[in-house]
Amino acid sequence: MGNARSEQTQTASSADGHRGRLRDKFLAAGLSGFHDYEILELLLTLATPRKDCKPAAKAALQRFGNLAAVFEASPRELCEVDGIGPKNLFGIKLIPAVCERYLEKRLAAGNALHHSKALFDYLYQSMQGKKREQFKVLFLDAKNRVLAIQTLFEGTLTSSSVFPREVVRAALDHHAVALIFAHNHPSGDPQPSPEDTALTQKLINACQVVDVTVHDHIIIGRGTYFSYADSGKIAAMVTDAAHAPMG
């Protein structure tokens, strides 16, 4: 009994020492020099008392393939990995959420159009890797500062499933004078479909009636994106909306 207790104490002490070394390594040089499994190991220790988390971290990487895929996995999928449960997946899910909040606040601090890097960083973090399509709206004031960011629709997005009246109502509720639309393609290919283009034109038409400007519609893929504004399509659609017959 005494020997068993002594071995457990030594194991716990060894685990604590290893965790301490990982924390010191991070505080000294950030994530430089960390293996991906060590990053996951460090996150798992946040809610795993006195237990070696390295095997679970390596198993998660083997199961999902890379660090990004681990972060994007659902809680149910993570719990299927030996050594990961409902409590200690906390750190893995916390970090992407904190990153998203940080990027959102950084974007809100400046002009969304002049801070395009902050805009795309936020959109990538919040939308890339999602298994369902999400339609976000960024509501802007007269100086193109972000008033609010809202996910209005989720699921298969078509011109019949995204309702312009709800977009317009939300814009008026936020006292927005301009909008940026964004949605993701779970396939990873950001090229717009005919349905995407029809939806964009429909939204521009509706917004123009209430004198709200549409600056862009951005489609997020895996590691890349498509911008209707950069391609010149937004300008053409605005012109079409201005010449469309009323009623």
Protein backbone atom coordinates (compact mmCIF):
# COMPACT_ATOMS: atom_id res chain seq x y z
CA MET A 1 0.00 0.00 0.00
CA GLY A 2 2.81 2.38 0.97
CA ASN A 3 4.76 1.61 -2.21
CA ALA A 4 1.67 2.21 -4.39
CA ARG A 5 1.06 5.53 -2.68
CA SER A 6 4.69 6.50 -3.12
CA GLU A 7 4.60 5.66 -6.85
CA GLN A 8 1.43 7.74 -7.30
CA THR A 9 3.05 10.66 -5.50
CA GLN A 10 6.14 10.40 -7.69
CA THR A 11 4.01 10.23 -10.86
CA ALA A 12 1.98 13.28 -9.82
CA SER A 13 5.16 15.15 -8.90
CA SER A 14 6.72 14.27 -12.27
CA ALA A 15 3.60 15.46 -14.11
CA ASP A 16 3.59 18.72 -12.14
CA GLY A 17 7.25 19.24 -12.96
CA HIS A 18 6.66 18.65 -16.66
CA ARG A 19 3.73 21.07 -16.67
CA GLY A 20 5.83 23.66 -14.94
CA ARG A 21 8.55 23.29 -17.57
CA LEU A 22 5.98 23.69 -20.36
CA ARG A 23 4.59 26.84 -18.73
CA ASP A 24 8.07 28.28 -18.21
CA LYS A 25 8.98 27.51 -21.82
CA PHE A 26 5.90 29.35 -23.05
CA LEU A 27 6.41 32.35 -20.79
CA ALA A 28 10.04 32.62 -21.90
CA ALA A 29 9.56 32.38 -25.68
CA GLY A 30 5.86 32.03 -26.51
CA LEU A 31 4.98 29.06 -28.71
CA SER A 32 8.29 29.18 -30.56
CA GLY A 33 9.82 25.73 -30.41
CA PHE A 34 6.62 24.03 -29.25
CA HIS A 35 5.41 20.92 -31.04
CA ASP A 36 1.68 20.89 -31.80
CA TYR A 37 1.13 18.08 -29.30
CA GLU A 38 2.80 20.20 -26.60
CA ILE A 39 0.37 23.05 -27.30
CA LEU A 40 -2.57 20.68 -26.86
CA GLU A 41 -0.94 19.13 -23.81
CA LEU A 42 -0.62 22.57 -22.22
CA LEU A 43 -4.29 23.35 -22.94
CA LEU A 44 -5.48 20.03 -21.55
CA THR A 45 -3.61 20.65 -18.29
CA LEU A 46 -5.85 23.67 -17.62
CA ALA A 47 -8.64 21.34 -16.49
CA THR A 48 -6.83 18.05 -15.89
CA PRO A 49 -5.58 17.72 -12.30
CA ARG A 50 -2.28 15.89 -11.83
CA LYS A 51 -2.39 13.63 -14.87
CA ASP A 52 -0.06 13.20 -17.84
CA CYS A 53 -1.85 14.81 -20.81
CA LYS A 54 0.77 14.04 -23.47
CA PRO A 55 -0.84 10.73 -24.66
CA ALA A 56 -4.24 12.42 -25.08
CA ALA A 57 -2.68 15.34 -26.96
CA LYS A 58 -0.86 13.01 -29.36
CA ALA A 59 -3.99 10.88 -29.81
CA ALA A 60 -6.05 13.97 -30.70
CA LEU A 61 -3.54 15.02 -33.36
CA GLN A 62 -3.47 11.51 -34.77
CA ARG A 63 -7.29 11.38 -34.86
CA PHE A 64 -7.90 14.79 -36.45
CA GLY A 65 -4.71 15.26 -38.45
CA ASN A 66 -3.55 18.74 -37.41
CA LEU A 67 -3.92 21.39 -34.74
CA ALA A 68 -6.54 23.44 -36.60
CA ALA A 69 -8.74 20.35 -37.05
CA VAL A 70 -8.51 19.62 -33.31
CA PHE A 71 -9.70 23.14 -32.51
CA GLU A 72 -12.54 22.80 -35.03
CA ALA A 73 -13.70 19.41 -33.74
CA SER A 74 -16.96 19.28 -31.85
CA PRO A 75 -17.04 18.48 -28.11
CA ARG A 76 -18.59 15.11 -28.96
CA GLU A 77 -15.74 14.28 -31.35
CA LEU A 78 -13.11 15.39 -28.85
CA CYS A 79 -14.63 13.23 -26.12
CA GLU A 80 -14.12 10.19 -28.35
CA VAL A 81 -10.34 10.60 -27.88
CA ASP A 82 -8.97 8.57 -24.98
CA GLY A 83 -7.97 10.93 -22.19
CA ILE A 84 -10.23 13.81 -23.25
CA GLY A 85 -13.58 14.31 -21.55
CA PRO A 86 -16.29 16.92 -21.02
CA LYS A 87 -14.19 18.78 -18.43
CA ASN A 88 -10.67 18.86 -19.82
CA LEU A 89 -11.67 19.81 -23.38
CA PHE A 90 -12.25 23.23 -21.80
CA GLY A 91 -8.84 24.60 -22.80
CA ILE A 92 -9.11 23.36 -26.40
CA LYS A 93 -12.46 25.12 -26.91
CA LEU A 94 -11.51 28.20 -24.87
CA ILE A 95 -8.56 29.30 -27.03
CA PRO A 96 -10.41 29.66 -30.39
CA ALA A 97 -13.21 31.53 -28.61
CA VAL A 98 -10.75 33.93 -26.99
CA CYS A 99 -8.99 34.47 -30.33
CA GLU A 100 -12.30 35.25 -32.01
CA ARG A 101 -13.24 37.77 -29.30
CA TYR A 102 -9.82 39.41 -29.46
CA LEU A 103 -9.95 39.77 -33.26
CA GLU A 104 -13.52 41.09 -33.09
CA LYS A 105 -12.50 43.78 -30.60
CA ARG A 106 -9.43 44.69 -32.64
CA LEU A 107 -11.60 45.03 -35.74
CA ALA A 108 -14.16 47.17 -33.90
CA ALA A 109 -11.42 49.60 -32.83
CA GLY A 110 -10.82 50.96 -36.34
CA ASN A 111 -12.19 51.56 -39.82
CA ALA A 112 -13.24 48.14 -41.15
CA LEU A 113 -12.41 49.07 -44.75
CA HIS A 114 -8.97 50.49 -43.92
CA HIS A 115 -8.15 47.56 -41.63
CA SER A 116 -8.79 44.81 -44.16
CA LYS A 117 -6.19 42.52 -42.53
CA ALA A 118 -8.07 42.71 -39.21
CA LEU A 119 -11.33 42.09 -41.07
CA PHE A 120 -10.08 38.96 -42.82
CA ASP A 121 -8.30 37.71 -39.69
CA TYR A 122 -11.57 37.93 -37.79
CA LEU A 123 -13.63 36.31 -40.54
CA TYR A 124 -11.15 33.45 -40.96
CA GLN A 125 -11.05 32.76 -37.24
CA SER A 126 -14.79 32.90 -36.76
CA MET A 127 -15.94 31.09 -39.94
CA GLN A 128 -13.26 28.89 -41.45
CA GLY A 129 -13.73 25.19 -40.78
CA LYS A 130 -17.41 25.46 -39.83
CA LYS A 131 -19.39 22.45 -41.00
CA ARG A 132 -22.51 24.49 -41.69
CA GLU A 133 -22.84 27.69 -43.66
CA GLN A 134 -23.14 30.83 -41.57
CA PHE A 135 -24.19 34.26 -42.81
CA LYS A 136 -22.69 37.16 -40.84
CA VAL A 137 -23.42 40.85 -41.16
CA LEU A 138 -21.03 43.57 -40.05
CA PHE A 139 -22.96 46.76 -39.27
CA LEU A 140 -20.97 49.96 -39.88
CA ASP A 141 -21.43 53.61 -38.98
CA ALA A 142 -20.76 56.61 -41.23
CA LYS A 143 -17.01 56.32 -40.56
CA ASN A 144 -17.04 52.59 -41.40
CA ARG A 145 -16.44 51.63 -37.78
CA VAL A 146 -18.00 48.36 -36.68
CA LEU A 147 -21.14 48.87 -34.62
CA ALA A 148 -21.96 45.19 -34.29
CA ILE A 149 -21.34 41.79 -35.84
CA GLN A 150 -24.19 39.32 -36.01
CA THR A 151 -24.77 35.84 -37.42
CA LEU A 152 -28.23 36.18 -38.94
CA PHE A 153 -28.67 32.86 -40.72
CA GLU A 154 -27.23 29.36 -40.56
CA GLY A 155 -27.61 26.35 -42.81
CA THR A 156 -27.83 26.10 -46.58
CA LEU A 157 -27.83 29.71 -47.77
CA THR A 158 -29.88 30.63 -50.83
CA SER A 159 -31.80 33.69 -51.92
CA SER A 160 -34.90 32.04 -50.45
CA SER A 161 -33.37 31.19 -47.05
CA VAL A 162 -31.75 34.58 -46.29
CA PHE A 163 -34.50 37.15 -45.87
CA PRO A 164 -33.65 40.70 -46.99
CA ARG A 165 -36.31 42.18 -44.71
CA GLU A 166 -34.53 40.72 -41.67
CA VAL A 167 -31.20 42.09 -42.86
CA VAL A 168 -32.75 45.53 -43.40
CA ARG A 169 -34.51 45.40 -40.02
CA ALA A 170 -31.25 44.51 -38.28
CA ALA A 171 -29.44 47.34 -40.09
CA LEU A 172 -32.06 49.86 -38.95
CA ASP A 173 -32.01 48.48 -35.39
CA HIS A 174 -28.24 49.05 -35.25
CA HIS A 175 -28.54 52.48 -36.94
CA ALA A 176 -26.07 51.23 -39.55
CA VAL A 177 -25.36 53.20 -42.70
CA ALA A 178 -23.30 50.46 -44.36
CA LEU A 179 -22.97 46.69 -44.26
CA ILE A 180 -20.46 43.97 -45.06
CA PHE A 181 -21.82 40.47 -45.64
CA ALA A 182 -19.79 37.33 -45.09
CA HIS A 183 -20.48 33.65 -45.27
CA ASN A 184 -18.40 30.48 -45.39
CA HIS A 185 -18.25 27.56 -47.80
CA PRO A 186 -17.72 24.36 -45.76
CA SER A 187 -16.30 22.73 -48.93
CA GLY A 188 -13.30 25.06 -48.60
CA ASP A 189 -13.75 26.50 -52.11
CA PRO A 190 -14.68 30.19 -51.85
CA GLN A 191 -15.74 30.68 -55.45
CA PRO A 192 -19.29 32.09 -55.54
CA SER A 193 -22.19 30.03 -56.80
CA PRO A 194 -24.99 31.49 -58.95
CA GLU A 195 -27.12 31.36 -55.79
CA ASP A 196 -24.53 33.44 -53.91
CA THR A 197 -24.58 36.07 -56.64
CA ALA A 198 -28.37 36.14 -56.81
CA LEU A 199 -28.52 36.54 -53.02
CA THR A 200 -26.01 39.39 -53.08
CA GLN A 201 -27.97 41.29 -55.72
CA LYS A 202 -31.20 40.74 -53.82
CA LEU A 203 -29.67 42.12 -50.62
CA ILE A 204 -28.17 45.15 -52.38
CA ASN A 205 -31.55 45.94 -53.93
CA ALA A 206 -33.28 45.78 -50.54
CA CYS A 207 -30.63 47.86 -48.75
CA GLN A 208 -30.64 50.55 -51.41
CA VAL A 209 -34.33 51.22 -50.73
CA VAL A 210 -33.50 52.31 -47.16
CA ASP A 211 -30.28 54.10 -48.18
CA VAL A 212 -27.92 51.55 -46.61
CA THR A 213 -24.69 50.90 -48.52
CA VAL A 214 -23.34 47.39 -49.11
CA HIS A 215 -19.55 47.52 -49.18
CA ASP A 216 -18.78 43.86 -49.76
CA HIS A 217 -19.85 40.25 -49.59
CA ILE A 218 -16.94 38.00 -48.62
CA ILE A 219 -16.94 34.22 -48.97
CA ILE A 220 -14.56 32.39 -46.67
CA GLY A 221 -12.92 29.16 -47.82
CA ARG A 222 -10.07 27.12 -46.41
CA GLY A 223 -7.03 29.36 -46.39
CA THR A 224 -8.50 31.74 -48.95
CA TYR A 225 -11.50 33.95 -49.68
CA PHE A 226 -13.50 35.64 -52.44
CA SER A 227 -14.49 39.30 -52.28
CA TYR A 228 -17.34 40.62 -54.42
CA ALA A 229 -15.94 44.13 -53.97
CA ASP A 230 -12.40 43.22 -55.05
CA SER A 231 -13.76 41.46 -58.12
CA GLY A 232 -15.75 44.56 -59.16
CA LYS A 233 -19.08 42.74 -58.84
CA ILE A 234 -20.42 44.90 -56.00
CA ALA A 235 -20.05 48.10 -58.07
CA ALA A 236 -21.86 46.49 -61.00
CA MET A 237 -24.66 45.23 -58.75
CA VAL A 238 -25.11 48.66 -57.16
CA THR A 239 -25.46 50.16 -60.64
CA ASP A 240 -28.00 47.48 -61.59
CA ALA A 241 -29.99 48.17 -58.41
CA ALA A 242 -30.01 51.92 -59.11
CA HIS A 243 -31.50 51.32 -62.57
CA ALA A 244 -33.95 48.62 -61.49
CA PRO A 245 -37.63 49.61 -61.87
CA MET A 246 -39.35 50.42 -58.58
CA GLY A 247 -42.19 48.20 -57.42
